[in-house]
C-alpha atoms as a PDB file:
ATOM      1  CA  MET A   1     138.660   7.765 124.828  1.00  0.00           C
ATOM      2  CA  SER A   2     135.090   6.221 123.871  1.00  0.00           C
ATOM      3  CA  ALA A   3     134.816   3.919 120.643  1.00  0.00           C
ATOM      4  CA  SER A   4     134.593   5.091 117.431  1.00  0.00           C
ATOM      5  CA  SER A   5     131.037   3.999 115.380  1.00  0.00           C
ATOM      6  CA  ASP A   6     133.394   1.780 113.290  1.00  0.00           C
ATOM      7  CA  GLN A   7     134.886   0.232 116.459  1.00  0.00           C
ATOM      8  CA  ILE A   8     131.216  -0.586 117.842  1.00  0.00           C
ATOM      9  CA  ARG A   9     130.015  -1.754 114.407  1.00  0.00           C
ATOM     10  CA  GLN A  10     132.803  -4.267 114.816  1.00  0.00           C
ATOM     11  CA  SER A  11     132.376  -5.381 117.487  1.00  0.00           C
ATOM     12  CA  GLN A  12     128.876  -6.098 117.260  1.00  0.00           C
ATOM     13  CA  LEU A  13     129.652  -7.574 114.277  1.00  0.00           C
ATOM     14  CA  ALA A  14     132.371 -10.042 115.882  1.00  0.00           C
ATOM     15  CA  SER A  15     129.387 -10.679 118.859  1.00  0.00           C
ATOM     16  CA  TRP A  16     126.331 -11.126 116.651  1.00  0.00           C
ATOM     17  CA  GLU A  17     128.352 -13.960 114.132  1.00  0.00           C
ATOM     18  CA  LYS A  18     129.409 -15.598 117.536  1.00  0.00           C
ATOM     19  CA  PHE A  19     126.017 -15.616 118.828  1.00  0.00           C
ATOM     20  CA  SER A  20     124.209 -16.737 115.825  1.00  0.00           C
ATOM     21  CA  ALA A  21     124.245 -20.682 116.794  1.00  0.00           C
ATOM     22  CA  GLY A  22     122.338 -19.646 119.745  1.00  0.00           C
ATOM     23  CA  TRP A  23     119.866 -17.759 117.994  1.00  0.00           C
ATOM     24  CA  LYS A  24     119.447 -20.718 116.076  1.00  0.00           C
ATOM     25  CA  LYS A  25     119.173 -23.085 118.723  1.00  0.00           C
ATOM     26  CA  TRP A  26     116.380 -21.051 120.537  1.00  0.00           C
ATOM     27  CA  ASP A  27     115.130 -19.194 117.598  1.00  0.00           C
ATOM     28  CA  ASP A  28     111.669 -20.680 117.554  1.00  0.00           C
ATOM     29  CA  TYR A  29     111.551 -19.612 121.194  1.00  0.00           C
ATOM     30  CA  MET A  30     112.655 -16.153 120.684  1.00  0.00           C
ATOM     31  CA  THR A  31     110.074 -15.804 117.867  1.00  0.00           C
ATOM     32  CA  GLY A  32     107.247 -16.750 119.978  1.00  0.00           C
ATOM     33  CA  TRP A  33     108.385 -14.468 122.704  1.00  0.00           C
ATOM     34  CA  MET A  34     108.709 -11.429 120.963  1.00  0.00           C
ATOM     35  CA  ALA A  35     105.542 -11.938 118.508  1.00  0.00           C
ATOM     36  CA  PRO A  36     103.757  -9.265 120.815  1.00  0.00           C
ATOM     37  CA  PHE A  37     106.353  -6.752 119.639  1.00  0.00           C
ATOM     38  CA  GLY A  38     106.700  -7.487 115.898  1.00  0.00           C
ATOM     39  CA  ASP A  39     103.193  -8.251 115.270  1.00  0.00           C
ATOM     40  CA  ALA A  40     102.201  -4.583 117.070  1.00  0.00           C
ATOM     41  CA  MET A  41     104.468  -2.975 114.662  1.00  0.00           C
ATOM     42  CA  ILE A  42     103.369  -4.569 111.407  1.00  0.00           C
ATOM     43  CA  GLN A  43      99.971  -3.324 112.431  1.00  0.00           C
ATOM     44  CA  GLN A  44     101.401  -0.253 113.082  1.00  0.00           C
ATOM     45  CA  ALA A  45     102.908   0.173 109.800  1.00  0.00           C
ATOM     46  CA  LYS A  46      99.429  -0.317 107.819  1.00  0.00           C
ATOM     47  CA  ILE A  47     101.249  -2.513 105.416  1.00  0.00           C
ATOM     48  CA  GLY A  48      98.988  -3.373 102.262  1.00  0.00           C
ATOM     49  CA  GLU A  49      99.489  -6.043 100.427  1.00  0.00           C
ATOM     50  CA  ALA A  50     101.875  -5.050  97.366  1.00  0.00           C
ATOM     51  CA  ALA A  51     104.067  -2.980  99.881  1.00  0.00           C
ATOM     52  CA  GLN A  52     107.833  -3.405  99.429  1.00  0.00           C
ATOM     53  CA  VAL A  53     108.744  -3.843 103.127  1.00  0.00           C
ATOM     54  CA  LEU A  54     112.475  -3.052 104.721  1.00  0.00           C
ATOM     55  CA  ASP A  55     113.176  -4.767 107.773  1.00  0.00           C
ATOM     56  CA  ILE A  56     116.959  -3.409 109.130  1.00  0.00           C
ATOM     57  CA  ALA A  57     118.467  -5.094 112.176  1.00  0.00           C
ATOM     58  CA  SER A  58     116.542  -8.282 111.341  1.00  0.00           C
ATOM     59  CA  GLY A  59     118.709 -10.980 112.833  1.00  0.00           C
ATOM     60  CA  THR A  60     117.251 -14.123 112.353  1.00  0.00           C
ATOM     61  CA  GLY A  61     114.023 -12.695 110.083  1.00  0.00           C
ATOM     62  CA  GLU A  62     112.003 -10.969 112.510  1.00  0.00           C
ATOM     63  CA  PRO A  63     109.217  -9.573 112.276  1.00  0.00           C
ATOM     64  CA  GLY A  64     110.323  -8.961 108.174  1.00  0.00           C
ATOM     65  CA  LEU A  65     109.243 -12.758 107.305  1.00  0.00           C
ATOM     66  CA  SER A  66     106.190 -12.138 109.257  1.00  0.00           C
ATOM     67  CA  ALA A  67     105.593  -9.006 107.283  1.00  0.00           C
ATOM     68  CA  ALA A  68     106.198 -11.430 104.180  1.00  0.00           C
ATOM     69  CA  ALA A  69     103.208 -13.646 104.816  1.00  0.00           C
ATOM     70  CA  ARG A  70     100.862 -10.057 104.278  1.00  0.00           C
ATOM     71  CA  VAL A  71     102.340  -8.954 101.264  1.00  0.00           C
ATOM     72  CA  PRO A  72     101.541 -11.640  98.762  1.00  0.00           C
ATOM     73  CA  HIS A  73     101.889  -9.102  95.587  1.00  0.00           C
ATOM     74  CA  GLY A  74     104.936  -7.394  97.296  1.00  0.00           C
ATOM     75  CA  GLY A  75     108.271  -8.013  98.930  1.00  0.00           C
ATOM     76  CA  VAL A  76     110.023  -8.097 102.073  1.00  0.00           C
ATOM     77  CA  THR A  77     114.162  -7.183 101.934  1.00  0.00           C
ATOM     78  CA  LEU A  78     115.813  -8.247 105.465  1.00  0.00           C
ATOM     79  CA  THR A  79     119.365  -6.506 106.592  1.00  0.00           C
ATOM     80  CA  ASP A  80     121.622  -6.965 109.004  1.00  0.00           C
ATOM     81  CA  LEU A  81     125.037  -6.943 109.822  1.00  0.00           C
ATOM     82  CA  SER A  82     125.592  -9.910 110.353  1.00  0.00           C
ATOM     83  CA  PRO A  83     125.974 -12.635 107.485  1.00  0.00           C
ATOM     84  CA  ASN A  84     125.327 -15.774 110.032  1.00  0.00           C
ATOM     85  CA  MET A  85     122.387 -14.450 111.509  1.00  0.00           C
ATOM     86  CA  LEU A  86     120.599 -13.872 107.942  1.00  0.00           C
ATOM     87  CA  ALA A  87     121.968 -17.275 107.200  1.00  0.00           C
ATOM     88  CA  VAL A  88     119.177 -18.368 109.656  1.00  0.00           C
ATOM     89  CA  ALA A  89     116.752 -15.847 107.991  1.00  0.00           C
ATOM     90  CA  THR A  90     117.069 -17.281 104.739  1.00  0.00           C
ATOM     91  CA  ASP A  91     116.604 -21.214 106.028  1.00  0.00           C
ATOM     92  CA  LYS A  92     113.411 -19.880 107.654  1.00  0.00           C
ATOM     93  CA  ALA A  93     111.973 -17.955 104.692  1.00  0.00           C
ATOM     94  CA  HIS A  94     112.538 -21.528 102.589  1.00  0.00           C
ATOM     95  CA  HIS A  95     110.971 -23.445 104.935  1.00  0.00           C
ATOM     96  CA  ARG A  96     108.318 -21.406 105.140  1.00  0.00           C
ATOM     97  CA  GLY A  97     107.552 -21.021 101.493  1.00  0.00           C
ATOM     98  CA  LEU A  98     108.524 -17.373 101.594  1.00  0.00           C
ATOM     99  CA  THR A  99     109.895 -16.472  97.941  1.00  0.00           C
ATOM    100  CA  ASN A 100     109.391 -12.755  98.240  1.00  0.00           C
ATOM    101  CA  VAL A 101     111.855 -12.617 101.177  1.00  0.00           C
ATOM    102  CA  LYS A 102     115.772 -11.635  99.825  1.00  0.00           C
ATOM    103  CA  THR A 103     118.635 -10.378 102.849  1.00  0.00           C
ATOM    104  CA  VAL A 104     121.379  -8.155 101.709  1.00  0.00           C
ATOM    105  CA  VAL A 105     124.438  -7.404 104.491  1.00  0.00           C
ATOM    106  CA  SER A 106     124.722  -3.847 105.385  1.00  0.00           C
ATOM    107  CA  ASP A 107     125.130  -0.909 108.115  1.00  0.00           C
ATOM    108  CA  ALA A 108     121.799   0.389 109.091  1.00  0.00           C
ATOM    109  CA  ALA A 109     123.065   3.705 108.684  1.00  0.00           C
ATOM    110  CA  SER A 110     124.759   2.981 105.272  1.00  0.00           C
ATOM    111  CA  LEU A 111     121.820   1.145 103.345  1.00  0.00           C
ATOM    112  CA  PRO A 112     122.764   0.402  99.337  1.00  0.00           C
ATOM    113  CA  PHE A 113     119.143   1.589  98.237  1.00  0.00           C
ATOM    114  CA  GLU A 114     117.834   4.514  96.406  1.00  0.00           C
ATOM    115  CA  ASP A 115     115.848   7.147  98.001  1.00  0.00           C
ATOM    116  CA  GLY A 116     112.090   6.051  98.379  1.00  0.00           C
ATOM    117  CA  SER A 117     112.533   2.492  97.987  1.00  0.00           C
ATOM    118  CA  PHE A 118     110.145   1.293 100.631  1.00  0.00           C
ATOM    119  CA  ASP A 119     106.606   1.375 101.601  1.00  0.00           C
ATOM    120  CA  VAL A 120     107.289   0.487 105.363  1.00  0.00           C
ATOM    121  CA  VAL A 121     110.262   0.176 107.075  1.00  0.00           C
ATOM    122  CA  LEU A 122     110.545  -1.756 110.114  1.00  0.00           C
ATOM    123  CA  CYS A 123     113.215  -1.854 112.926  1.00  0.00           C
ATOM    124  CA  ARG A 124     112.618  -4.582 116.153  1.00  0.00           C
ATOM    125  CA  PHE A 125     115.132  -3.816 119.154  1.00  0.00           C
ATOM    126  CA  GLY A 126     117.879  -2.538 116.809  1.00  0.00           C
ATOM    127  CA  TYR A 127     117.788   1.173 117.327  1.00  0.00           C
ATOM    128  CA  ILE A 128     119.460   0.084 121.230  1.00  0.00           C
ATOM    129  CA  PHE A 129     122.501  -0.699 119.155  1.00  0.00           C
ATOM    130  CA  PHE A 130     123.208   1.793 116.689  1.00  0.00           C
ATOM    131  CA  PRO A 131     126.499   3.921 117.076  1.00  0.00           C
ATOM    132  CA  ASP A 132     124.621   7.182 115.699  1.00  0.00           C
ATOM    133  CA  MET A 133     120.677   6.891 115.750  1.00  0.00           C
ATOM    134  CA  ALA A 134     120.024  10.011 114.366  1.00  0.00           C
ATOM    135  CA  ALA A 135     122.100   9.137 111.444  1.00  0.00           C
ATOM    136  CA  ALA A 136     120.433   5.756 110.961  1.00  0.00           C
ATOM    137  CA  ALA A 137     116.891   7.174 111.523  1.00  0.00           C
ATOM    138  CA  ALA A 138     117.686   9.539 108.412  1.00  0.00           C
ATOM    139  CA  GLU A 139     118.734   6.918 106.252  1.00  0.00           C
ATOM    140  CA  HIS A 140     115.740   5.202 106.969  1.00  0.00           C
ATOM    141  CA  VAL A 141     113.449   8.288 106.423  1.00  0.00           C
ATOM    142  CA  ARG A 142     115.780   8.621 102.929  1.00  0.00           C
ATOM    143  CA  LEU A 143     114.089   4.957 101.959  1.00  0.00           C
ATOM    144  CA  GLY A 144     110.574   5.700 102.632  1.00  0.00           C
ATOM    145  CA  ARG A 145     108.080   6.769  99.810  1.00  0.00           C
ATOM    146  CA  SER A 146     106.414   9.798 100.851  1.00  0.00           C
ATOM    147  CA  GLY A 147     103.661   8.495 102.908  1.00  0.00           C
ATOM    148  CA  ALA A 148     105.758   5.601 104.347  1.00  0.00           C
ATOM    149  CA  ARG A 149     105.526   4.425 107.375  1.00  0.00           C
ATOM    150  CA  ILE A 150     108.776   4.012 109.911  1.00  0.00           C
ATOM    151  CA  CYS A 151     108.479   2.088 112.603  1.00  0.00           C
ATOM    152  CA  ALA A 152     110.798   0.728 115.154  1.00  0.00           C
ATOM    153  CA  ALA A 153     110.416  -1.002 118.978  1.00  0.00           C
ATOM    154  CA  VAL A 154     112.882  -0.338 121.389  1.00  0.00           C
ATOM    155  CA  TRP A 155     112.690  -1.864 125.064  1.00  0.00           C
ATOM    156  CA  ALA A 156     111.116   0.229 127.957  1.00  0.00           C
ATOM    157  CA  GLU A 157     112.333   0.955 131.319  1.00  0.00           C
ATOM    158  CA  PRO A 158     114.087  -1.505 133.176  1.00  0.00           C
ATOM    159  CA  GLY A 159     111.163  -1.820 135.853  1.00  0.00           C
ATOM    160  CA  LYS A 160     109.036  -3.193 132.841  1.00  0.00           C
ATOM    161  CA  ASN A 161     111.690  -5.645 131.213  1.00  0.00           C
ATOM    162  CA  GLN A 162     112.204  -8.488 134.567  1.00  0.00           C
ATOM    163  CA  TRP A 163     114.018 -10.710 131.857  1.00  0.00           C
ATOM    164  CA  ALA A 164     116.712  -8.313 132.152  1.00  0.00           C
ATOM    165  CA  THR A 165     117.078  -7.348 135.032  1.00  0.00           C
ATOM    166  CA  THR A 166     117.077 -10.680 136.999  1.00  0.00           C
ATOM    167  CA  MET A 167     119.887 -11.494 135.240  1.00  0.00           C
ATOM    168  CA  MET A 168     122.194  -8.506 135.073  1.00  0.00           C
ATOM    169  CA  SER A 169     121.636  -7.312 138.853  1.00  0.00           C
ATOM    170  CA  ALA A 170     122.717 -10.767 140.072  1.00  0.00           C
ATOM    171  CA  ILE A 171     125.905  -9.941 137.720  1.00  0.00           C
ATOM    172  CA  ALA A 172     126.619  -6.972 138.978  1.00  0.00           C
ATOM    173  CA  ARG A 173     126.737  -8.054 142.377  1.00  0.00           C
ATOM    174  CA  HIS A 174     129.845 -10.728 141.215  1.00  0.00           C
ATOM    175  CA  VAL A 175     131.255  -8.995 138.429  1.00  0.00           C
ATOM    176  CA  ASP A 176     132.724  -5.047 137.657  1.00  0.00           C
ATOM    177  CA  VAL A 177     130.706  -4.259 134.509  1.00  0.00           C
ATOM    178  CA  PRO A 178     132.202  -1.423 132.879  1.00  0.00           C
ATOM    179  CA  GLN A 179     129.347   1.870 133.273  1.00  0.00           C
ATOM    180  CA  ALA A 180     128.612   2.663 129.834  1.00  0.00           C
ATOM    181  CA  PRO A 181     128.697   6.455 128.801  1.00  0.00           C
ATOM    182  CA  ALA A 182     125.100   8.244 128.763  1.00  0.00           C
ATOM    183  CA  GLY A 183     123.485   7.447 125.084  1.00  0.00           C
ATOM    184  CA  ALA A 184     125.733   4.311 124.554  1.00  0.00           C
ATOM    185  CA  PRO A 185     124.631   1.456 122.844  1.00  0.00           C
ATOM    186  CA  GLY A 186     122.530  -1.244 125.460  1.00  0.00           C
ATOM    187  CA  LEU A 187     119.539  -2.309 126.467  1.00  0.00           C
ATOM    188  CA  PHE A 188     118.084   0.532 128.200  1.00  0.00           C
ATOM    189  CA  ARG A 189     119.067   3.598 126.038  1.00  0.00           C
ATOM    190  CA  CYS A 190     115.896   4.097 124.163  1.00  0.00           C
ATOM    191  CA  ALA A 191     113.894   4.059 127.369  1.00  0.00           C
ATOM    192  CA  ALA A 192     113.350   7.362 128.552  1.00  0.00           C
ATOM    193  CA  PRO A 193     109.933   8.534 127.544  1.00  0.00           C
ATOM    194  CA  GLY A 194     109.375  10.247 124.242  1.00  0.00           C
ATOM    195  CA  LEU A 195     113.134  10.054 123.436  1.00  0.00           C
ATOM    196  CA  MET A 196     112.397   8.054 120.221  1.00  0.00           C
ATOM    197  CA  SER A 197     109.525  10.255 119.104  1.00  0.00           C
ATOM    198  CA  GLU A 198     111.726  13.357 119.139  1.00  0.00           C
ATOM    199  CA  LEU A 199     114.511  11.043 117.398  1.00  0.00           C
ATOM    200  CA  PHE A 200     111.452  10.428 114.369  1.00  0.00           C
ATOM    201  CA  SER A 201     110.539  13.827 114.826  1.00  0.00           C
ATOM    202  CA  GLY A 202     113.898  15.282 114.198  1.00  0.00           C
ATOM    203  CA  ALA A 203     114.277  13.250 111.392  1.00  0.00           C
ATOM    204  CA  GLY A 204     111.308  15.081 109.319  1.00  0.00           C
ATOM    205  CA  LEU A 205     108.842  12.327 109.721  1.00  0.00           C
ATOM    206  CA  LEU A 206     105.233  13.131 110.423  1.00  0.00           C
ATOM    207  CA  ASP A 207     102.129  11.896 112.455  1.00  0.00           C
ATOM    208  CA  VAL A 208     104.462  10.484 115.068  1.00  0.00           C
ATOM    209  CA  GLY A 209     103.370   8.449 117.940  1.00  0.00           C
ATOM    210  CA  GLU A 210     103.973   5.789 120.425  1.00  0.00           C
ATOM    211  CA  ILE A 211     102.359   3.085 122.135  1.00  0.00           C
ATOM    212  CA  GLU A 212     103.313   0.580 124.753  1.00  0.00           C
ATOM    213  CA  VAL A 213     103.461  -3.178 124.377  1.00  0.00           C
ATOM    214  CA  SER A 214     103.655  -5.769 127.133  1.00  0.00           C
ATOM    215  CA  ALA A 215     104.599  -9.153 126.747  1.00  0.00           C
ATOM    216  CA  VAL A 216     105.694 -12.422 128.647  1.00  0.00           C
ATOM    217  CA  MET A 217     108.820 -14.502 128.945  1.00  0.00           C
ATOM    218  CA  HIS A 218     107.925 -17.814 129.998  1.00  0.00           C
ATOM    219  CA  HIS A 219     109.996 -21.003 130.825  1.00  0.00           C
ATOM    220  CA  GLU A 220     109.283 -24.014 131.940  1.00  0.00           C
ATOM    221  CA  SER A 221     111.768 -24.102 134.843  1.00  0.00           C
ATOM    222  CA  PRO A 222     114.366 -21.587 136.529  1.00  0.00           C
ATOM    223  CA  GLU A 223     117.514 -23.153 134.442  1.00  0.00           C
ATOM    224  CA  SER A 224     115.537 -22.959 130.940  1.00  0.00           C
ATOM    225  CA  TYR A 225     116.141 -18.989 131.405  1.00  0.00           C
ATOM    226  CA  TRP A 226     119.300 -19.515 132.786  1.00  0.00           C
ATOM    227  CA  GLU A 227     120.341 -21.456 129.755  1.00  0.00           C
ATOM    228  CA  LEU A 228     118.342 -18.746 127.365  1.00  0.00           C
ATOM    229  CA  MET A 229     120.192 -15.571 128.522  1.00  0.00           C
ATOM    230  CA  SER A 230     123.405 -17.326 128.656  1.00  0.00           C
ATOM    231  CA  ASP A 231     123.579 -18.722 124.952  1.00  0.00           C
ATOM    232  CA  VAL A 232     121.737 -15.118 123.143  1.00  0.00           C
ATOM    233  CA  ALA A 233     121.587 -12.046 125.819  1.00  0.00           C
ATOM    234  CA  ALA A 234     124.127  -9.870 124.441  1.00  0.00           C
ATOM    235  CA  PRO A 235     125.267  -7.752 127.823  1.00  0.00           C
ATOM    236  CA  VAL A 236     124.853 -11.389 129.421  1.00  0.00           C
ATOM    237  CA  VAL A 237     127.662 -13.029 127.046  1.00  0.00           C
ATOM    238  CA  ALA A 238     129.605  -9.736 127.322  1.00  0.00           C
ATOM    239  CA  SER A 239     129.566  -9.868 131.183  1.00  0.00           C
ATOM    240  CA  LEU A 240     130.512 -13.573 131.740  1.00  0.00           C
ATOM    241  CA  ALA A 241     133.498 -13.291 129.400  1.00  0.00           C
ATOM    242  CA  GLY A 242     136.420 -14.358 131.081  1.00  0.00           C
ATOM    243  CA  VAL A 243     134.781 -14.466 134.681  1.00  0.00           C
ATOM    244  CA  ASP A 244     135.857 -17.698 136.158  1.00  0.00           C
ATOM    245  CA  ALA A 245     133.875 -21.190 136.654  1.00  0.00           C
ATOM    246  CA  SER A 246     133.486 -20.581 140.184  1.00  0.00           C
ATOM    247  CA  THR A 247     131.799 -17.041 140.200  1.00  0.00           C
ATOM    248  CA  VAL A 248     129.426 -18.079 137.164  1.00  0.00           C
ATOM    249  CA  ALA A 249     128.431 -20.850 139.391  1.00  0.00           C
ATOM    250  CA  LYS A 250     127.445 -18.525 142.519  1.00  0.00           C
ATOM    251  CA  ILE A 251     126.134 -16.030 140.044  1.00  0.00           C
ATOM    252  CA  ARG A 252     123.964 -19.049 138.527  1.00  0.00           C
ATOM    253  CA  ALA A 253     122.837 -20.148 141.710  1.00  0.00           C
ATOM    254  CA  GLU A 254     121.626 -16.626 142.930  1.00  0.00           C
ATOM    255  CA  VAL A 255     119.659 -16.204 140.188  1.00  0.00           C
ATOM    256  CA  LEU A 256     117.649 -19.391 140.035  1.00  0.00           C
ATOM    257  CA  GLU A 257     117.409 -18.757 143.835  1.00  0.00           C
ATOM    258  CA  ALA A 258     116.199 -15.199 143.228  1.00  0.00           C
ATOM    259  CA  VAL A 259     113.150 -16.181 140.730  1.00  0.00           C
ATOM    260  CA  LEU A 260     112.137 -19.547 142.870  1.00  0.00           C
ATOM    261  CA  PRO A 261     109.415 -17.725 145.097  1.00  0.00           C
ATOM    262  CA  GLY A 262     107.424 -16.590 141.307  1.00  0.00           C
ATOM    263  CA  THR A 263     107.574 -20.215 140.037  1.00  0.00           C
ATOM    264  CA  HIS A 264     104.553 -22.076 139.615  1.00  0.00           C
ATOM    265  CA  ASP A 265     104.682 -25.678 139.035  1.00  0.00           C
ATOM    266  CA  GLY A 266     108.408 -25.318 138.454  1.00  0.00           C
ATOM    267  CA  ALA A 267     107.746 -22.555 135.512  1.00  0.00           C
ATOM    268  CA  VAL A 268     108.428 -18.987 135.939  1.00  0.00           C
ATOM    269  CA  ASP A 269     107.269 -15.779 134.125  1.00  0.00           C
ATOM    270  CA  PHE A 270     109.219 -12.841 133.444  1.00  0.00           C
ATOM    271  CA  SER A 271     107.812  -9.262 132.297  1.00  0.00           C
ATOM    272  CA  ALA A 272     108.831  -7.497 129.198  1.00  0.00           C
ATOM    273  CA  GLY A 273     107.599  -4.400 128.117  1.00  0.00           C
ATOM    274  CA  ALA A 274     108.776  -2.566 124.944  1.00  0.00           C
ATOM    275  CA  THR A 275     108.015   1.337 123.343  1.00  0.00           C
ATOM    276  CA  ILE A 276     106.508   0.955 119.333  1.00  0.00           C
ATOM    277  CA  VAL A 277     106.876   4.361 117.911  1.00  0.00           C
ATOM    278  CA  VAL A 278     105.506   5.334 114.204  1.00  0.00           C
ATOM    279  CA  GLY A 279     106.141   8.127 111.823  1.00  0.00           C
ATOM    280  CA  THR A 280     105.156   8.822 108.248  1.00  0.00           C
ATOM    281  CA  VAL A 281     107.262   9.972 105.540  1.00  0.00           C
ATOM    282  CA  GLY A 282     106.082  13.222 104.140  1.00  0.00           C
END
């Protein structure tokens, strides 16, 4: 029997609350690594200085906090299922001196705002987790004023995301990872070409378009890569949960050996690719 939307949300909430400490530990690193994706979204969204911006599934605050620095006469609202993740975002906003930011704990498909409340709606790597993507898209369109830009980022196909496949391939050789049903939440759920454009068009958005954005995950050592992924990558943490220590040690050794040929002066780089999709509210 497949899990219900409520069961998926509750499971995800528990996971992100648990991961929040790891995300806080690695936040500076993650912010830098993922900056190209958030920057591309902000550019595609054409954010004005007085815009009201909604950042959905914001986690520890990006790209919403970067957008806040661009709207001195506007404001940014960060939403997420996880209060602990948003607490990290609040701390970051305070340290950056951003006074035009507020946070709201909420489900992405049922947001507590009036119709047409925002000029821009952003969602970076949220759609891959939403139980019902069509319902979420309809909700995000509801919140946009006429002419508002709705912009999302999703991971591209596995071949463009060595940062994820390197670790997950090694895990799959040692752990019986259940095969998720087609369309179920997961890293590459939205990777099929045109899938997000079709979703946005189906939600009634106009002038829908996609661009491809690439980035590099750089680590000073293979060990740093293992540590990061073990702390913050939800599929990795879930797959290794309950696995005995000797098996984890074997997987770790295999991962470190696999990346060794690609190291330069001890450091290692991994490819990362995403699709940015944007549409306009009519």
